[in-house]
Amino acid sequence: MINAKKQKEMNMNNAVANPPNDDDETTVYTIRGIKKSLDHTISELATSYGKPKATLLREFIEMWFSDHVRNFGLHNSLVKTFDAEIADFIGVPLMTERVDDFHITRHNHEFLQLLGIRDEEGLRTLLLNNAPYLRLRARQTLGGCTRVPRTTSLAFAMFAELASRDAGTIGDAHARLFPSLSQEGYDRFYRHINEIRAEMKRPALLPDTEISEKGEKVIVTIYSPKGYADECWKVHISLRQGVRSPGSAFRFPHLERRLFNPDPPYRKVVISDNDEWDMGFCFTDGVCELHLYSNGIPESENPVPLPIVAQKLIAAIENQMGQ
């Protein structure tokens, strides 16, 4: 004999789940080959949650296999508002059609996993928290675009959220979601991350950082990117919070056995102390990137250690800013 309580549980577990309350078309799944022990476990869980088995399984599938980024991005009014604001900021129209792509769905799943977000409510919080950085991300990525794709604001907010995380998470994201085939792409990724971190008043996070020195107005970090020779370095110079980006060019300090070479966007001709034309450097949006070399000798034998190089750069910049 089956008691009334057991019969009620069986009826509930065998009940057909209520269909979802949205306008999307639905389909029916038939899954064969489920072990009886697993079916028993599912039945017990369904009873514990007070739901039919079909409802429990459907909710599980929706939680773990739905593209929450796509669904939230296409249907949430906040995303539409921020998308329109970005398009207006850039001065180009907003795309009306949506883009569907398997690679985008896979990217979205991995991104949410890295950020620890499991539902659309988490995405809503993420979007609101990172709204102040949408224009900065637009300046980083939308130069030359003719139309802004839908859900762009959500993608920008997710990148900004990533920028706020720890070095390990950011490194994993670069490897899994933003892999670079070139050193330039690798450097660009971290430059964009650091520009957003600067707006958040967070310290710069640079790959393979070796030396970081702070002055009153600038921060100088010297690091060795992947694949660089022992005598070669990258120098990242950023203005501190509240310091205006100077329009003038700067002269390099004269350091024995050291050679500086600015990246193209930061090169500027200056007049040397001997009244001759010389290569100098400048800031763009509060940042400058240089190459640094140990000129003609191994790094271990260089008479000017890297911390001194950073300190001399800070002194040269701040002295010239004060003139």
C-alpha atoms as a PDB file:
ATOM      1  CA  MET A   1       0.000   0.000   0.000  1.00  0.00           C
ATOM      2  CA  ILE A   2       1.223   3.492  -0.843  1.00  0.00           C
ATOM      3  CA  ASN A   3       0.378   6.045   1.823  1.00  0.00           C
ATOM      4  CA  ALA A   4      -1.207   9.370   0.927  1.00  0.00           C
ATOM      5  CA  LYS A   5       2.010  11.382   1.394  1.00  0.00           C
ATOM      6  CA  LYS A   6       3.985   9.083  -0.898  1.00  0.00           C
ATOM      7  CA  GLN A   7       1.240   9.155  -3.515  1.00  0.00           C
ATOM      8  CA  LYS A   8       1.221  12.965  -3.412  1.00  0.00           C
ATOM      9  CA  GLU A   9       4.994  13.035  -3.964  1.00  0.00           C
ATOM     10  CA  MET A  10       4.695  10.641  -6.905  1.00  0.00           C
ATOM     11  CA  ASN A  11       1.916  12.696  -8.458  1.00  0.00           C
ATOM     12  CA  MET A  12       3.969  15.867  -8.106  1.00  0.00           C
ATOM     13  CA  ASN A  13       7.118  14.296  -9.541  1.00  0.00           C
ATOM     14  CA  ASN A  14       5.235  12.921 -12.516  1.00  0.00           C
ATOM     15  CA  ALA A  15       3.346  16.132 -13.131  1.00  0.00           C
ATOM     16  CA  VAL A  16       3.974  18.071 -16.314  1.00  0.00           C
ATOM     17  CA  ALA A  17       5.865  21.261 -15.651  1.00  0.00           C
ATOM     18  CA  ASN A  18       4.129  24.543 -16.270  1.00  0.00           C
ATOM     19  CA  PRO A  19       5.369  26.006 -19.572  1.00  0.00           C
ATOM     20  CA  PRO A  20       7.526  29.133 -19.412  1.00  0.00           C
ATOM     21  CA  ASN A  21       5.636  32.413 -19.359  1.00  0.00           C
ATOM     22  CA  ASP A  22       7.294  34.115 -22.311  1.00  0.00           C
ATOM     23  CA  ASP A  23       6.644  34.518 -25.984  1.00  0.00           C
ATOM     24  CA  ASP A  24       9.503  32.314 -27.185  1.00  0.00           C
ATOM     25  CA  GLU A  25       8.670  29.124 -28.997  1.00  0.00           C
ATOM     26  CA  THR A  26       9.241  26.011 -26.909  1.00  0.00           C
ATOM     27  CA  THR A  27      10.286  22.488 -27.732  1.00  0.00           C
ATOM     28  CA  VAL A  28      10.023  19.086 -26.035  1.00  0.00           C
ATOM     29  CA  TYR A  29      13.059  17.101 -24.898  1.00  0.00           C
ATOM     30  CA  THR A  30      12.935  13.323 -24.505  1.00  0.00           C
ATOM     31  CA  ILE A  31      15.956  11.961 -22.654  1.00  0.00           C
ATOM     32  CA  ARG A  32      16.488   8.213 -22.571  1.00  0.00           C
ATOM     33  CA  GLY A  33      19.001   6.146 -20.689  1.00  0.00           C
ATOM     34  CA  ILE A  34      18.679   7.859 -17.288  1.00  0.00           C
ATOM     35  CA  LYS A  35      19.770   5.461 -14.543  1.00  0.00           C
ATOM     36  CA  LYS A  36      17.123   4.578 -11.968  1.00  0.00           C
ATOM     37  CA  SER A  37      19.414   5.697  -9.165  1.00  0.00           C
ATOM     38  CA  LEU A  38      19.738   9.133 -10.785  1.00  0.00           C
ATOM     39  CA  ASP A  39      15.986   9.298 -11.370  1.00  0.00           C
ATOM     40  CA  HIS A  40      15.475   8.515  -7.685  1.00  0.00           C
ATOM     41  CA  THR A  41      17.846  11.343  -6.732  1.00  0.00           C
ATOM     42  CA  ILE A  42      16.053  13.787  -9.041  1.00  0.00           C
ATOM     43  CA  SER A  43      12.708  12.743  -7.563  1.00  0.00           C
ATOM     44  CA  GLU A  44      13.955  13.373  -4.028  1.00  0.00           C
ATOM     45  CA  LEU A  45      15.332  16.778  -5.004  1.00  0.00           C
ATOM     46  CA  ALA A  46      12.082  17.716  -6.723  1.00  0.00           C
ATOM     47  CA  THR A  47      10.146  16.750  -3.604  1.00  0.00           C
ATOM     48  CA  SER A  48      12.545  18.740  -1.441  1.00  0.00           C
ATOM     49  CA  TYR A  49      12.093  21.861  -3.589  1.00  0.00           C
ATOM     50  CA  GLY A  50       8.349  21.315  -3.910  1.00  0.00           C
ATOM     51  CA  LYS A  51       8.436  21.173  -7.707  1.00  0.00           C
ATOM     52  CA  PRO A  52       7.602  18.637 -10.411  1.00  0.00           C
ATOM     53  CA  LYS A  53      10.660  16.888 -11.810  1.00  0.00           C
ATOM     54  CA  ALA A  54      10.123  18.433 -15.226  1.00  0.00           C
ATOM     55  CA  THR A  55      10.124  21.934 -13.733  1.00  0.00           C
ATOM     56  CA  LEU A  56      13.270  21.239 -11.716  1.00  0.00           C
ATOM     57  CA  LEU A  57      15.110  19.894 -14.756  1.00  0.00           C
ATOM     58  CA  ARG A  58      13.963  22.734 -16.995  1.00  0.00           C
ATOM     59  CA  GLU A  59      15.100  25.332 -14.464  1.00  0.00           C
ATOM     60  CA  PHE A  60      18.461  23.577 -14.185  1.00  0.00           C
ATOM     61  CA  ILE A  61      18.883  23.629 -17.967  1.00  0.00           C
ATOM     62  CA  GLU A  62      17.865  27.285 -18.127  1.00  0.00           C
ATOM     63  CA  MET A  63      20.317  28.210 -15.366  1.00  0.00           C
ATOM     64  CA  TRP A  64      23.347  26.442 -16.801  1.00  0.00           C
ATOM     65  CA  PHE A  65      22.747  26.478 -20.554  1.00  0.00           C
ATOM     66  CA  SER A  66      20.928  29.741 -21.236  1.00  0.00           C
ATOM     67  CA  ASP A  67      22.944  32.576 -22.743  1.00  0.00           C
ATOM     68  CA  HIS A  68      22.112  35.045 -19.983  1.00  0.00           C
ATOM     69  CA  VAL A  69      24.223  37.748 -21.591  1.00  0.00           C
ATOM     70  CA  ARG A  70      22.348  37.513 -24.878  1.00  0.00           C
ATOM     71  CA  ASN A  71      18.907  37.260 -23.269  1.00  0.00           C
ATOM     72  CA  PHE A  72      19.502  40.128 -20.861  1.00  0.00           C
ATOM     73  CA  GLY A  73      21.174  42.247 -23.508  1.00  0.00           C
ATOM     74  CA  LEU A  74      18.365  41.922 -26.020  1.00  0.00           C
ATOM     75  CA  HIS A  75      15.421  42.393 -23.663  1.00  0.00           C
ATOM     76  CA  ASN A  76      16.549  44.715 -20.866  1.00  0.00           C
ATOM     77  CA  SER A  77      15.617  48.386 -21.204  1.00  0.00           C
ATOM     78  CA  LEU A  78      18.782  49.523 -19.392  1.00  0.00           C
ATOM     79  CA  VAL A  79      20.964  47.903 -22.035  1.00  0.00           C
ATOM     80  CA  LYS A  80      18.961  49.553 -24.806  1.00  0.00           C
ATOM     81  CA  THR A  81      19.311  52.943 -23.115  1.00  0.00           C
ATOM     82  CA  PHE A  82      23.066  52.604 -22.618  1.00  0.00           C
ATOM     83  CA  ASP A  83      23.535  51.276 -26.177  1.00  0.00           C
ATOM     84  CA  ALA A  84      21.784  54.366 -27.523  1.00  0.00           C
ATOM     85  CA  GLU A  85      23.897  56.613 -25.287  1.00  0.00           C
ATOM     86  CA  ILE A  86      27.116  55.035 -26.603  1.00  0.00           C
ATOM     87  CA  ALA A  87      25.967  55.425 -30.210  1.00  0.00           C
ATOM     88  CA  ASP A  88      25.154  59.081 -29.543  1.00  0.00           C
ATOM     89  CA  PHE A  89      28.535  59.591 -27.851  1.00  0.00           C
ATOM     90  CA  ILE A  90      30.413  58.112 -30.829  1.00  0.00           C
ATOM     91  CA  GLY A  91      28.135  59.852 -33.326  1.00  0.00           C
ATOM     92  CA  VAL A  92      27.068  56.797 -35.331  1.00  0.00           C
ATOM     93  CA  PRO A  93      23.743  54.913 -35.588  1.00  0.00           C
ATOM     94  CA  LEU A  94      22.798  51.903 -33.486  1.00  0.00           C
ATOM     95  CA  MET A  95      22.343  48.603 -35.316  1.00  0.00           C
ATOM     96  CA  THR A  96      18.756  47.356 -35.348  1.00  0.00           C
ATOM     97  CA  GLU A  97      19.473  43.721 -36.191  1.00  0.00           C
ATOM     98  CA  ARG A  98      20.915  41.319 -33.649  1.00  0.00           C
ATOM     99  CA  VAL A  99      23.978  39.143 -34.135  1.00  0.00           C
ATOM    100  CA  ASP A 100      23.761  35.410 -33.402  1.00  0.00           C
ATOM    101  CA  ASP A 101      26.963  33.390 -33.347  1.00  0.00           C
ATOM    102  CA  PHE A 102      28.013  30.161 -31.622  1.00  0.00           C
ATOM    103  CA  HIS A 103      31.373  31.679 -30.696  1.00  0.00           C
ATOM    104  CA  ILE A 104      29.636  34.624 -29.000  1.00  0.00           C
ATOM    105  CA  THR A 105      27.520  32.263 -26.889  1.00  0.00           C
ATOM    106  CA  ARG A 106      30.578  30.256 -25.839  1.00  0.00           C
ATOM    107  CA  HIS A 107      32.433  33.498 -25.051  1.00  0.00           C
ATOM    108  CA  ASN A 108      29.511  34.701 -22.910  1.00  0.00           C
ATOM    109  CA  HIS A 109      29.375  31.448 -20.936  1.00  0.00           C
ATOM    110  CA  GLU A 110      33.088  31.516 -20.174  1.00  0.00           C
ATOM    111  CA  PHE A 111      33.011  35.215 -19.291  1.00  0.00           C
ATOM    112  CA  LEU A 112      30.194  34.757 -16.759  1.00  0.00           C
ATOM    113  CA  GLN A 113      31.992  31.766 -15.275  1.00  0.00           C
ATOM    114  CA  LEU A 114      35.141  33.849 -14.759  1.00  0.00           C
ATOM    115  CA  LEU A 115      33.182  36.704 -13.182  1.00  0.00           C
ATOM    116  CA  GLY A 116      31.125  34.374 -10.984  1.00  0.00           C
ATOM    117  CA  ILE A 117      27.773  35.633 -12.309  1.00  0.00           C
ATOM    118  CA  ARG A 118      24.972  33.088 -12.555  1.00  0.00           C
ATOM    119  CA  ASP A 119      21.846  35.001 -13.519  1.00  0.00           C
ATOM    120  CA  GLU A 120      20.442  38.100 -15.160  1.00  0.00           C
ATOM    121  CA  GLU A 121      20.046  39.922 -11.855  1.00  0.00           C
ATOM    122  CA  GLY A 122      23.800  39.687 -11.449  1.00  0.00           C
ATOM    123  CA  LEU A 123      24.196  41.187 -14.918  1.00  0.00           C
ATOM    124  CA  ARG A 124      21.881  44.057 -14.021  1.00  0.00           C
ATOM    125  CA  THR A 125      23.999  44.884 -10.974  1.00  0.00           C
ATOM    126  CA  LEU A 126      27.164  44.618 -13.077  1.00  0.00           C
ATOM    127  CA  LEU A 127      25.780  46.998 -15.707  1.00  0.00           C
ATOM    128  CA  LEU A 128      24.777  49.635 -13.174  1.00  0.00           C
ATOM    129  CA  ASN A 129      28.075  49.413 -11.284  1.00  0.00           C
ATOM    130  CA  ASN A 130      30.148  49.844 -14.433  1.00  0.00           C
ATOM    131  CA  ALA A 131      28.058  52.430 -16.276  1.00  0.00           C
ATOM    132  CA  PRO A 132      30.597  55.202 -15.453  1.00  0.00           C
ATOM    133  CA  TYR A 133      33.238  53.449 -17.587  1.00  0.00           C
ATOM    134  CA  LEU A 134      31.210  52.857 -20.769  1.00  0.00           C
ATOM    135  CA  ARG A 135      32.436  55.997 -22.542  1.00  0.00           C
ATOM    136  CA  LEU A 136      36.054  55.191 -21.735  1.00  0.00           C
ATOM    137  CA  ARG A 137      35.643  51.704 -23.193  1.00  0.00           C
ATOM    138  CA  ALA A 138      33.979  53.238 -26.262  1.00  0.00           C
ATOM    139  CA  ARG A 139      36.995  55.500 -26.779  1.00  0.00           C
ATOM    140  CA  GLN A 140      39.259  52.467 -26.469  1.00  0.00           C
ATOM    141  CA  THR A 141      37.491  50.283 -29.034  1.00  0.00           C
ATOM    142  CA  LEU A 142      35.036  52.114 -31.294  1.00  0.00           C
ATOM    143  CA  GLY A 143      37.331  54.454 -33.181  1.00  0.00           C
ATOM    144  CA  GLY A 144      36.416  54.333 -36.873  1.00  0.00           C
ATOM    145  CA  CYS A 145      33.258  52.247 -36.437  1.00  0.00           C
ATOM    146  CA  THR A 146      30.214  53.102 -38.553  1.00  0.00           C
ATOM    147  CA  ARG A 147      27.516  51.442 -36.414  1.00  0.00           C
ATOM    148  CA  VAL A 148      27.253  50.326 -32.797  1.00  0.00           C
ATOM    149  CA  PRO A 149      26.080  46.697 -32.367  1.00  0.00           C
ATOM    150  CA  ARG A 150      23.261  45.943 -29.949  1.00  0.00           C
ATOM    151  CA  THR A 151      24.293  44.882 -26.409  1.00  0.00           C
ATOM    152  CA  THR A 152      27.589  46.778 -26.777  1.00  0.00           C
ATOM    153  CA  SER A 153      27.049  48.503 -23.427  1.00  0.00           C
ATOM    154  CA  LEU A 154      26.734  45.161 -21.646  1.00  0.00           C
ATOM    155  CA  ALA A 155      29.947  43.877 -23.245  1.00  0.00           C
ATOM    156  CA  PHE A 156      31.721  47.076 -22.181  1.00  0.00           C
ATOM    157  CA  ALA A 157      30.391  46.767 -18.622  1.00  0.00           C
ATOM    158  CA  MET A 158      31.617  43.171 -18.420  1.00  0.00           C
ATOM    159  CA  PHE A 159      35.105  44.219 -19.523  1.00  0.00           C
ATOM    160  CA  ALA A 160      35.100  47.013 -16.947  1.00  0.00           C
ATOM    161  CA  GLU A 161      34.039  44.517 -14.277  1.00  0.00           C
ATOM    162  CA  LEU A 162      36.930  42.300 -15.335  1.00  0.00           C
ATOM    163  CA  ALA A 163      39.308  45.256 -14.950  1.00  0.00           C
ATOM    164  CA  SER A 164      38.294  45.546 -11.287  1.00  0.00           C
ATOM    165  CA  ARG A 165      39.256  41.942 -10.504  1.00  0.00           C
ATOM    166  CA  ASP A 166      42.513  40.374  -9.302  1.00  0.00           C
ATOM    167  CA  ALA A 167      45.545  39.659 -11.469  1.00  0.00           C
ATOM    168  CA  GLY A 168      44.795  35.938 -11.711  1.00  0.00           C
ATOM    169  CA  THR A 169      41.270  36.448 -13.035  1.00  0.00           C
ATOM    170  CA  ILE A 170      42.438  39.055 -15.539  1.00  0.00           C
ATOM    171  CA  GLY A 171      45.245  36.771 -16.708  1.00  0.00           C
ATOM    172  CA  ASP A 172      42.806  33.868 -17.150  1.00  0.00           C
ATOM    173  CA  ALA A 173      40.457  36.117 -19.122  1.00  0.00           C
ATOM    174  CA  HIS A 174      43.267  37.181 -21.429  1.00  0.00           C
ATOM    175  CA  ALA A 175      44.256  33.576 -22.087  1.00  0.00           C
ATOM    176  CA  ARG A 176      40.710  32.229 -22.551  1.00  0.00           C
ATOM    177  CA  LEU A 177      38.687  35.137 -23.925  1.00  0.00           C
ATOM    178  CA  PHE A 178      41.093  37.716 -25.367  1.00  0.00           C
ATOM    179  CA  PRO A 179      44.051  35.688 -26.664  1.00  0.00           C
ATOM    180  CA  SER A 180      46.633  37.817 -28.471  1.00  0.00           C
ATOM    181  CA  LEU A 181      48.600  36.569 -31.437  1.00  0.00           C
ATOM    182  CA  SER A 182      51.011  39.490 -31.152  1.00  0.00           C
ATOM    183  CA  GLN A 183      52.852  41.377 -28.450  1.00  0.00           C
ATOM    184  CA  GLU A 184      50.990  44.503 -29.543  1.00  0.00           C
ATOM    185  CA  GLY A 185      47.643  42.871 -28.748  1.00  0.00           C
ATOM    186  CA  TYR A 186      48.959  41.640 -25.409  1.00  0.00           C
ATOM    187  CA  ASP A 187      50.112  45.142 -24.472  1.00  0.00           C
ATOM    188  CA  ARG A 188      46.865  46.725 -25.701  1.00  0.00           C
ATOM    189  CA  PHE A 189      44.762  44.422 -23.521  1.00  0.00           C
ATOM    190  CA  TYR A 190      46.635  45.408 -20.361  1.00  0.00           C
ATOM    191  CA  ARG A 191      46.729  49.064 -21.378  1.00  0.00           C
ATOM    192  CA  HIS A 192      42.927  49.094 -21.672  1.00  0.00           C
ATOM    193  CA  ILE A 193      42.600  47.260 -18.362  1.00  0.00           C
ATOM    194  CA  ASN A 194      44.855  49.780 -16.639  1.00  0.00           C
ATOM    195  CA  GLU A 195      43.113  52.813 -18.109  1.00  0.00           C
ATOM    196  CA  ILE A 196      39.851  51.577 -16.602  1.00  0.00           C
ATOM    197  CA  ARG A 197      41.555  50.700 -13.304  1.00  0.00           C
ATOM    198  CA  ALA A 198      42.919  54.248 -13.175  1.00  0.00           C
ATOM    199  CA  GLU A 199      39.363  55.598 -13.446  1.00  0.00           C
ATOM    200  CA  MET A 200      38.398  53.234 -10.627  1.00  0.00           C
ATOM    201  CA  LYS A 201      41.327  54.571  -8.563  1.00  0.00           C
ATOM    202  CA  ARG A 202      42.866  51.101  -8.521  1.00  0.00           C
ATOM    203  CA  PRO A 203      46.605  50.476  -8.962  1.00  0.00           C
ATOM    204  CA  ALA A 204      47.925  49.572 -12.389  1.00  0.00           C
ATOM    205  CA  LEU A 205      48.116  45.860 -13.097  1.00  0.00           C
ATOM    206  CA  LEU A 206      50.809  45.130 -15.644  1.00  0.00           C
ATOM    207  CA  PRO A 207      52.090  41.789 -16.924  1.00  0.00           C
ATOM    208  CA  ASP A 208      55.409  40.608 -15.544  1.00  0.00           C
ATOM    209  CA  THR A 209      55.928  43.796 -13.538  1.00  0.00           C
ATOM    210  CA  GLU A 210      59.494  44.255 -12.301  1.00  0.00           C
ATOM    211  CA  ILE A 211      59.799  47.805 -10.977  1.00  0.00           C
ATOM    212  CA  SER A 212      57.174  50.382 -10.007  1.00  0.00           C
ATOM    213  CA  GLU A 213      57.982  53.827  -8.603  1.00  0.00           C
ATOM    214  CA  LYS A 214      55.551  56.606  -7.665  1.00  0.00           C
ATOM    215  CA  GLY A 215      56.150  60.341  -7.733  1.00  0.00           C
ATOM    216  CA  GLU A 216      53.865  63.199  -6.785  1.00  0.00           C
ATOM    217  CA  LYS A 217      52.421  63.421 -10.293  1.00  0.00           C
ATOM    218  CA  VAL A 218      53.410  60.279 -12.206  1.00  0.00           C
ATOM    219  CA  ILE A 219      53.797  56.533 -11.746  1.00  0.00           C
ATOM    220  CA  VAL A 220      56.516  54.676 -13.677  1.00  0.00           C
ATOM    221  CA  THR A 221      56.411  50.906 -14.087  1.00  0.00           C
ATOM    222  CA  ILE A 222      59.126  48.924 -15.880  1.00  0.00           C
ATOM    223  CA  TYR A 223      58.344  45.365 -16.932  1.00  0.00           C
ATOM    224  CA  SER A 224      59.518  42.627 -19.268  1.00  0.00           C
ATOM    225  CA  PRO A 225      56.825  41.344 -21.657  1.00  0.00           C
ATOM    226  CA  LYS A 226      56.800  37.773 -22.873  1.00  0.00           C
ATOM    227  CA  GLY A 227      59.449  37.087 -25.472  1.00  0.00           C
ATOM    228  CA  TYR A 228      61.577  40.156 -24.697  1.00  0.00           C
ATOM    229  CA  ALA A 229      65.364  39.784 -24.535  1.00  0.00           C
ATOM    230  CA  ASP A 230      67.138  40.159 -21.205  1.00  0.00           C
ATOM    231  CA  GLU A 231      68.325  43.683 -22.066  1.00  0.00           C
ATOM    232  CA  CYS A 232      64.912  44.957 -23.265  1.00  0.00           C
ATOM    233  CA  TRP A 233      62.074  46.419 -21.203  1.00  0.00           C
ATOM    234  CA  LYS A 234      58.755  48.210 -21.552  1.00  0.00           C
ATOM    235  CA  VAL A 235      58.079  51.369 -19.559  1.00  0.00           C
ATOM    236  CA  HIS A 236      54.522  52.383 -18.667  1.00  0.00           C
ATOM    237  CA  ILE A 237      54.130  55.950 -17.395  1.00  0.00           C
ATOM    238  CA  SER A 238      50.767  57.167 -16.098  1.00  0.00           C
ATOM    239  CA  LEU A 239      49.654  60.422 -14.535  1.00  0.00           C
ATOM    240  CA  ARG A 240      48.274  60.232 -11.028  1.00  0.00           C
ATOM    241  CA  GLN A 241      44.602  60.880 -10.336  1.00  0.00           C
ATOM    242  CA  GLY A 242      43.702  64.533 -10.820  1.00  0.00           C
ATOM    243  CA  VAL A 243      46.844  65.460 -12.792  1.00  0.00           C
ATOM    244  CA  ARG A 244      46.046  67.002 -16.166  1.00  0.00           C
ATOM    245  CA  SER A 245      47.649  65.499 -19.239  1.00  0.00           C
ATOM    246  CA  PRO A 246      50.350  67.989 -20.329  1.00  0.00           C
ATOM    247  CA  GLY A 247      50.414  69.041 -23.951  1.00  0.00           C
ATOM    248  CA  SER A 248      54.152  69.682 -24.051  1.00  0.00           C
ATOM    249  CA  ALA A 249      56.904  67.215 -24.912  1.00  0.00           C
ATOM    250  CA  PHE A 250      59.450  65.903 -22.416  1.00  0.00           C
ATOM    251  CA  ARG A 251      63.181  65.319 -22.676  1.00  0.00           C
ATOM    252  CA  PHE A 252      64.646  61.999 -21.587  1.00  0.00           C
ATOM    253  CA  PRO A 253      67.110  61.994 -18.686  1.00  0.00           C
ATOM    254  CA  HIS A 254      70.694  61.264 -19.717  1.00  0.00           C
ATOM    255  CA  LEU A 255      71.524  57.854 -18.233  1.00  0.00           C
ATOM    256  CA  GLU A 256      74.739  55.954 -18.856  1.00  0.00           C
ATOM    257  CA  ARG A 257      74.263  52.802 -20.936  1.00  0.00           C
ATOM    258  CA  ARG A 258      70.501  53.332 -21.187  1.00  0.00           C
ATOM    259  CA  LEU A 259      68.544  53.933 -24.387  1.00  0.00           C
ATOM    260  CA  PHE A 260      64.891  55.042 -24.581  1.00  0.00           C
ATOM    261  CA  ASN A 261      62.604  54.645 -27.593  1.00  0.00           C
ATOM    262  CA  PRO A 262      58.973  55.835 -27.353  1.00  0.00           C
ATOM    263  CA  ASP A 263      56.141  53.947 -29.038  1.00  0.00           C
ATOM    264  CA  PRO A 264      54.936  55.874 -32.144  1.00  0.00           C
ATOM    265  CA  PRO A 265      51.887  57.536 -30.516  1.00  0.00           C
ATOM    266  CA  TYR A 266      54.115  59.018 -27.810  1.00  0.00           C
ATOM    267  CA  ARG A 267      57.025  60.322 -29.903  1.00  0.00           C
ATOM    268  CA  LYS A 268      57.669  64.050 -30.070  1.00  0.00           C
ATOM    269  CA  VAL A 269      60.644  66.120 -31.190  1.00  0.00           C
ATOM    270  CA  VAL A 270      62.230  68.330 -28.518  1.00  0.00           C
ATOM    271  CA  ILE A 271      65.140  70.755 -28.209  1.00  0.00           C
ATOM    272  CA  SER A 272      67.975  69.225 -26.201  1.00  0.00           C
ATOM    273  CA  ASP A 273      70.104  71.013 -23.607  1.00  0.00           C
ATOM    274  CA  ASN A 274      72.614  71.623 -26.433  1.00  0.00           C
ATOM    275  CA  ASP A 275      69.942  73.396 -28.537  1.00  0.00           C
ATOM    276  CA  GLU A 276      69.742  70.476 -30.958  1.00  0.00           C
ATOM    277  CA  TRP A 277      66.765  68.506 -32.240  1.00  0.00           C
ATOM    278  CA  ASP A 278      66.253  65.316 -30.254  1.00  0.00           C
ATOM    279  CA  MET A 279      63.657  62.585 -29.757  1.00  0.00           C
ATOM    280  CA  GLY A 280      61.413  63.194 -26.764  1.00  0.00           C
ATOM    281  CA  PHE A 281      58.106  61.829 -25.565  1.00  0.00           C
ATOM    282  CA  CYS A 282      54.609  63.004 -24.670  1.00  0.00           C
ATOM    283  CA  PHE A 283      51.469  61.802 -22.903  1.00  0.00           C
ATOM    284  CA  THR A 284      48.271  60.717 -24.626  1.00  0.00           C
ATOM    285  CA  ASP A 285      45.186  60.511 -22.405  1.00  0.00           C
ATOM    286  CA  GLY A 286      47.453  60.538 -19.360  1.00  0.00           C
ATOM    287  CA  VAL A 287      49.600  57.592 -20.464  1.00  0.00           C
ATOM    288  CA  CYS A 288      52.970  57.095 -22.171  1.00  0.00           C
ATOM    289  CA  GLU A 289      54.626  53.851 -23.357  1.00  0.00           C
ATOM    290  CA  LEU A 290      58.376  53.535 -23.965  1.00  0.00           C
ATOM    291  CA  HIS A 291      60.938  50.879 -24.813  1.00  0.00           C
ATOM    292  CA  LEU A 292      64.030  50.740 -22.608  1.00  0.00           C
ATOM    293  CA  TYR A 293      67.310  49.031 -23.490  1.00  0.00           C
ATOM    294  CA  SER A 294      70.569  48.207 -21.770  1.00  0.00           C
ATOM    295  CA  ASN A 295      72.764  49.803 -24.418  1.00  0.00           C
ATOM    296  CA  GLY A 296      75.588  47.500 -25.454  1.00  0.00           C
ATOM    297  CA  ILE A 297      76.077  45.550 -22.216  1.00  0.00           C
ATOM    298  CA  PRO A 298      74.201  42.818 -20.321  1.00  0.00           C
ATOM    299  CA  GLU A 299      71.506  44.034 -17.946  1.00  0.00           C
ATOM    300  CA  SER A 300      73.365  42.572 -14.979  1.00  0.00           C
ATOM    301  CA  GLU A 301      76.337  44.863 -15.726  1.00  0.00           C
ATOM    302  CA  ASN A 302      74.393  48.065 -16.362  1.00  0.00           C
ATOM    303  CA  PRO A 303      75.589  50.908 -14.098  1.00  0.00           C
ATOM    304  CA  VAL A 304      72.056  52.346 -13.844  1.00  0.00           C
ATOM    305  CA  PRO A 305      69.700  49.804 -12.195  1.00  0.00           C
ATOM    306  CA  LEU A 306      66.030  49.748 -13.158  1.00  0.00           C
ATOM    307  CA  PRO A 307      64.784  51.405  -9.928  1.00  0.00           C
ATOM    308  CA  ILE A 308      67.126  54.335 -10.612  1.00  0.00           C
ATOM    309  CA  VAL A 309      65.839  54.534 -14.206  1.00  0.00           C
ATOM    310  CA  ALA A 310      62.271  54.816 -12.896  1.00  0.00           C
ATOM    311  CA  GLN A 311      63.244  57.440 -10.327  1.00  0.00           C
ATOM    312  CA  LYS A 312      65.171  59.504 -12.898  1.00  0.00           C
ATOM    313  CA  LEU A 313      62.222  59.413 -15.295  1.00  0.00           C
ATOM    314  CA  ILE A 314      59.885  60.625 -12.552  1.00  0.00           C
ATOM    315  CA  ALA A 315      62.263  63.437 -11.621  1.00  0.00           C
ATOM    316  CA  ALA A 316      62.732  64.511 -15.251  1.00  0.00           C
ATOM    317  CA  ILE A 317      58.996  64.589 -15.935  1.00  0.00           C
ATOM    318  CA  GLU A 318      57.980  66.346 -12.730  1.00  0.00           C
ATOM    319  CA  ASN A 319      60.786  68.904 -13.020  1.00  0.00           C
ATOM    320  CA  GLN A 320      59.724  69.779 -16.558  1.00  0.00           C
ATOM    321  CA  MET A 321      56.047  69.914 -15.541  1.00  0.00           C
ATOM    322  CA  GLY A 322      56.981  72.416 -12.832  1.00  0.00           C
ATOM    323  CA  GLN A 323      58.795  74.753 -15.206  1.00  0.00           C
END
